[in-house]
Amino acid sequence: MLQKFELKGVHTTIDDALKQHVTDKIGRLDRYLPRHHRESVHAVVELKETKTKDKNQYVCNVTMHMPHDDINVKESGRSMYAAVDVVETKLKQLIQKYKDQHANGKVARHLAGRLRQTSTMLSDQDSFEAAG
């Protein structure tokens, strides 16, 4: 669960079911974050209801403040639940992109070391077969 999580309602009331739904969807996105960034992420969720001539429009705006960047996603839908679901999907994709951009390089160094190790093993094996 995200440590810092704010939920705001603009021109709408947030009942317990909606609050639980948003907490389940957005509040649990910390499992997709890098481990060393989990404590410092701050999420602000704004739920807004706008009325047009014939129908209501529901907007969900999520801003995640992360150590090196901010992620902002805004989506509208016919119901508040649908808007929250779409925002969750988009946030998952953007968090993955964030992780790719701000990786600490440990994985790349590990893979490069493994490649060097296997290449030296292959060259040693070739020289052993040539000598024998």
C-alpha atoms as a PDB file:
ATOM      1  CA  MET A   1       0.000   0.000   0.000  1.00  0.00           C
ATOM      2  CA  LEU A   2       1.281   3.451  -0.832  1.00  0.00           C
ATOM      3  CA  GLN A   3       2.496   5.281   2.271  1.00  0.00           C
ATOM      4  CA  LYS A   4       1.312   8.744   1.144  1.00  0.00           C
ATOM      5  CA  PHE A   5      -2.068   8.590  -0.544  1.00  0.00           C
ATOM      6  CA  GLU A   6      -4.608  11.428  -0.855  1.00  0.00           C
ATOM      7  CA  LEU A   7      -8.131  11.132  -2.184  1.00  0.00           C
ATOM      8  CA  LYS A   8     -10.074  14.275  -3.106  1.00  0.00           C
ATOM      9  CA  GLY A   9     -13.594  14.662  -4.429  1.00  0.00           C
ATOM     10  CA  VAL A  10     -14.460  17.731  -6.523  1.00  0.00           C
ATOM     11  CA  HIS A  11     -18.204  18.339  -7.027  1.00  0.00           C
ATOM     12  CA  THR A  12     -18.900  14.792  -5.880  1.00  0.00           C
ATOM     13  CA  THR A  13     -19.195  12.819  -2.705  1.00  0.00           C
ATOM     14  CA  ILE A  14     -16.978   9.832  -2.142  1.00  0.00           C
ATOM     15  CA  ASP A  15     -18.820   6.962  -0.509  1.00  0.00           C
ATOM     16  CA  ASP A  16     -17.180   3.989   1.198  1.00  0.00           C
ATOM     17  CA  ALA A  17     -17.489   1.676  -1.805  1.00  0.00           C
ATOM     18  CA  LEU A  18     -15.799   4.163  -4.139  1.00  0.00           C
ATOM     19  CA  LYS A  19     -13.084   4.880  -1.584  1.00  0.00           C
ATOM     20  CA  GLN A  20     -12.396   1.154  -1.209  1.00  0.00           C
ATOM     21  CA  HIS A  21     -12.293   0.698  -4.996  1.00  0.00           C
ATOM     22  CA  VAL A  22      -9.796   3.550  -5.464  1.00  0.00           C
ATOM     23  CA  THR A  23      -7.670   2.277  -2.587  1.00  0.00           C
ATOM     24  CA  ASP A  24      -7.615  -1.225  -4.077  1.00  0.00           C
ATOM     25  CA  LYS A  25      -6.717  -0.033  -7.560  1.00  0.00           C
ATOM     26  CA  ILE A  26      -4.443   2.988  -7.104  1.00  0.00           C
ATOM     27  CA  GLY A  27      -3.198   2.428  -3.576  1.00  0.00           C
ATOM     28  CA  ARG A  28      -1.686  -0.920  -4.433  1.00  0.00           C
ATOM     29  CA  LEU A  29       0.398   0.235  -7.363  1.00  0.00           C
ATOM     30  CA  ASP A  30       3.448   0.244  -5.094  1.00  0.00           C
ATOM     31  CA  ARG A  31       4.112  -3.366  -6.050  1.00  0.00           C
ATOM     32  CA  TYR A  32       5.104  -2.124  -9.517  1.00  0.00           C
ATOM     33  CA  LEU A  33       7.487   0.547  -8.182  1.00  0.00           C
ATOM     34  CA  PRO A  34      11.202   0.032  -7.585  1.00  0.00           C
ATOM     35  CA  ARG A  35      11.780  -1.078  -3.993  1.00  0.00           C
ATOM     36  CA  HIS A  36      14.001   1.826  -3.063  1.00  0.00           C
ATOM     37  CA  HIS A  37      11.354   4.350  -4.240  1.00  0.00           C
ATOM     38  CA  ARG A  38       8.323   2.896  -2.457  1.00  0.00           C
ATOM     39  CA  GLU A  39       8.559   4.978   0.720  1.00  0.00           C
ATOM     40  CA  SER A  40       8.999   8.297  -1.078  1.00  0.00           C
ATOM     41  CA  VAL A  41       6.116   8.078  -3.587  1.00  0.00           C
ATOM     42  CA  HIS A  42       3.186  10.421  -2.973  1.00  0.00           C
ATOM     43  CA  ALA A  43      -0.078   9.877  -4.884  1.00  0.00           C
ATOM     44  CA  VAL A  44      -2.891  12.420  -5.200  1.00  0.00           C
ATOM     45  CA  VAL A  45      -6.193  11.185  -6.636  1.00  0.00           C
ATOM     46  CA  GLU A  46      -8.838  13.718  -7.694  1.00  0.00           C
ATOM     47  CA  LEU A  47     -12.302  12.496  -8.594  1.00  0.00           C
ATOM     48  CA  LYS A  48     -14.456  15.036 -10.381  1.00  0.00           C
ATOM     49  CA  GLU A  49     -18.014  14.984 -11.657  1.00  0.00           C
ATOM     50  CA  THR A  50     -19.010  17.387 -14.426  1.00  0.00           C
ATOM     51  CA  LYS A  51     -22.521  17.726 -15.733  1.00  0.00           C
ATOM     52  CA  THR A  52     -23.160  18.391 -19.409  1.00  0.00           C
ATOM     53  CA  LYS A  53     -26.530  18.882 -21.056  1.00  0.00           C
ATOM     54  CA  ASP A  54     -27.767  15.302 -21.081  1.00  0.00           C
ATOM     55  CA  LYS A  55     -25.272  13.226 -19.120  1.00  0.00           C
ATOM     56  CA  ASN A  56     -22.719  13.252 -16.355  1.00  0.00           C
ATOM     57  CA  GLN A  57     -19.011  12.997 -17.083  1.00  0.00           C
ATOM     58  CA  TYR A  58     -16.718  11.509 -14.458  1.00  0.00           C
ATOM     59  CA  VAL A  59     -13.016  12.379 -14.428  1.00  0.00           C
ATOM     60  CA  CYS A  60     -10.230  10.705 -12.486  1.00  0.00           C
ATOM     61  CA  ASN A  61      -6.922  12.574 -12.268  1.00  0.00           C
ATOM     62  CA  VAL A  62      -3.953  10.877 -10.564  1.00  0.00           C
ATOM     63  CA  THR A  63      -0.614  12.547  -9.898  1.00  0.00           C
ATOM     64  CA  MET A  64       2.229  10.433  -8.538  1.00  0.00           C
ATOM     65  CA  HIS A  65       5.193  12.364  -7.204  1.00  0.00           C
ATOM     66  CA  MET A  66       8.280  10.173  -7.507  1.00  0.00           C
ATOM     67  CA  PRO A  67      11.925  10.896  -6.663  1.00  0.00           C
ATOM     68  CA  HIS A  68      13.069  11.775 -10.196  1.00  0.00           C
ATOM     69  CA  ASP A  69       9.822  12.505 -11.986  1.00  0.00           C
ATOM     70  CA  ASP A  70       6.090  13.127 -11.671  1.00  0.00           C
ATOM     71  CA  ILE A  71       3.507  10.976 -13.411  1.00  0.00           C
ATOM     72  CA  ASN A  72       0.138  12.537 -14.234  1.00  0.00           C
ATOM     73  CA  VAL A  73      -2.761  10.591 -15.745  1.00  0.00           C
ATOM     74  CA  LYS A  74      -6.220  11.956 -16.445  1.00  0.00           C
ATOM     75  CA  GLU A  75      -9.107   9.908 -17.770  1.00  0.00           C
ATOM     76  CA  SER A  76     -12.840  10.423 -18.090  1.00  0.00           C
ATOM     77  CA  GLY A  77     -15.610   7.895 -18.357  1.00  0.00           C
ATOM     78  CA  ARG A  78     -19.305   7.226 -17.968  1.00  0.00           C
ATOM     79  CA  SER A  79     -18.846   6.051 -14.394  1.00  0.00           C
ATOM     80  CA  MET A  80     -16.279   6.822 -11.734  1.00  0.00           C
ATOM     81  CA  TYR A  81     -15.344   3.158 -11.429  1.00  0.00           C
ATOM     82  CA  ALA A  82     -14.582   2.871 -15.148  1.00  0.00           C
ATOM     83  CA  ALA A  83     -12.408   5.981 -15.078  1.00  0.00           C
ATOM     84  CA  VAL A  84     -10.429   4.633 -12.118  1.00  0.00           C
ATOM     85  CA  ASP A  85      -9.889   1.288 -13.869  1.00  0.00           C
ATOM     86  CA  VAL A  86      -8.540   2.953 -17.019  1.00  0.00           C
ATOM     87  CA  VAL A  87      -6.254   5.221 -14.982  1.00  0.00           C
ATOM     88  CA  GLU A  88      -4.857   2.182 -13.175  1.00  0.00           C
ATOM     89  CA  THR A  89      -3.958   0.498 -16.469  1.00  0.00           C
ATOM     90  CA  LYS A  90      -2.248   3.625 -17.777  1.00  0.00           C
ATOM     91  CA  LEU A  91      -0.339   4.098 -14.522  1.00  0.00           C
ATOM     92  CA  LYS A  92       1.002   0.549 -14.688  1.00  0.00           C
ATOM     93  CA  GLN A  93       2.417   1.252 -18.145  1.00  0.00           C
ATOM     94  CA  LEU A  94       3.930   4.577 -17.110  1.00  0.00           C
ATOM     95  CA  ILE A  95       5.480   3.078 -13.967  1.00  0.00           C
ATOM     96  CA  GLN A  96       7.128   0.399 -16.106  1.00  0.00           C
ATOM     97  CA  LYS A  97       8.487   3.126 -18.385  1.00  0.00           C
ATOM     98  CA  TYR A  98       9.742   5.015 -15.306  1.00  0.00           C
ATOM     99  CA  LYS A  99      11.516   1.899 -14.060  1.00  0.00           C
ATOM    100  CA  ASP A 100      13.193   1.408 -17.434  1.00  0.00           C
ATOM    101  CA  GLN A 101      14.420   5.014 -17.518  1.00  0.00           C
ATOM    102  CA  HIS A 102      15.633   5.161 -13.933  1.00  0.00           C
ATOM    103  CA  ALA A 103      17.081   1.695 -13.499  1.00  0.00           C
ATOM    104  CA  ASN A 104      20.186   1.698 -11.371  1.00  0.00           C
ATOM    105  CA  GLY A 105      22.184  -0.305 -13.914  1.00  0.00           C
ATOM    106  CA  LYS A 106      22.728  -3.290 -11.654  1.00  0.00           C
ATOM    107  CA  VAL A 107      20.886  -5.636 -14.011  1.00  0.00           C
ATOM    108  CA  ALA A 108      22.848  -4.400 -17.027  1.00  0.00           C
ATOM    109  CA  ARG A 109      26.153  -4.820 -15.181  1.00  0.00           C
ATOM    110  CA  HIS A 110      25.127  -8.285 -14.041  1.00  0.00           C
ATOM    111  CA  LEU A 111      24.236  -9.376 -17.583  1.00  0.00           C
ATOM    112  CA  ALA A 112      27.452  -7.910 -19.005  1.00  0.00           C
ATOM    113  CA  GLY A 113      29.474  -9.797 -16.417  1.00  0.00           C
ATOM    114  CA  ARG A 114      27.695 -13.046 -17.266  1.00  0.00           C
ATOM    115  CA  LEU A 115      28.384 -12.525 -20.968  1.00  0.00           C
ATOM    116  CA  ARG A 116      32.057 -11.875 -20.277  1.00  0.00           C
ATOM    117  CA  GLN A 117      32.236 -14.966 -18.110  1.00  0.00           C
ATOM    118  CA  THR A 118      30.666 -17.244 -20.731  1.00  0.00           C
ATOM    119  CA  SER A 119      32.824 -15.780 -23.518  1.00  0.00           C
ATOM    120  CA  THR A 120      36.022 -16.471 -21.554  1.00  0.00           C
ATOM    121  CA  MET A 121      34.807 -19.984 -20.788  1.00  0.00           C
ATOM    122  CA  LEU A 122      34.168 -20.600 -24.490  1.00  0.00           C
ATOM    123  CA  SER A 123      37.570 -19.225 -25.511  1.00  0.00           C
ATOM    124  CA  ASP A 124      39.290 -21.393 -22.867  1.00  0.00           C
ATOM    125  CA  GLN A 125      37.400 -24.431 -24.111  1.00  0.00           C
ATOM    126  CA  ASP A 126      38.404 -23.689 -27.744  1.00  0.00           C
ATOM    127  CA  SER A 127      42.075 -23.351 -26.777  1.00  0.00           C
ATOM    128  CA  PHE A 128      41.888 -26.594 -24.779  1.00  0.00           C
ATOM    129  CA  GLU A 129      40.415 -28.464 -27.765  1.00  0.00           C
ATOM    130  CA  ALA A 130      43.064 -27.001 -30.098  1.00  0.00           C
ATOM    131  CA  ALA A 131      45.909 -28.118 -27.752  1.00  0.00           C
ATOM    132  CA  GLY A 132      44.525 -31.632 -27.304  1.00  0.00           C
END
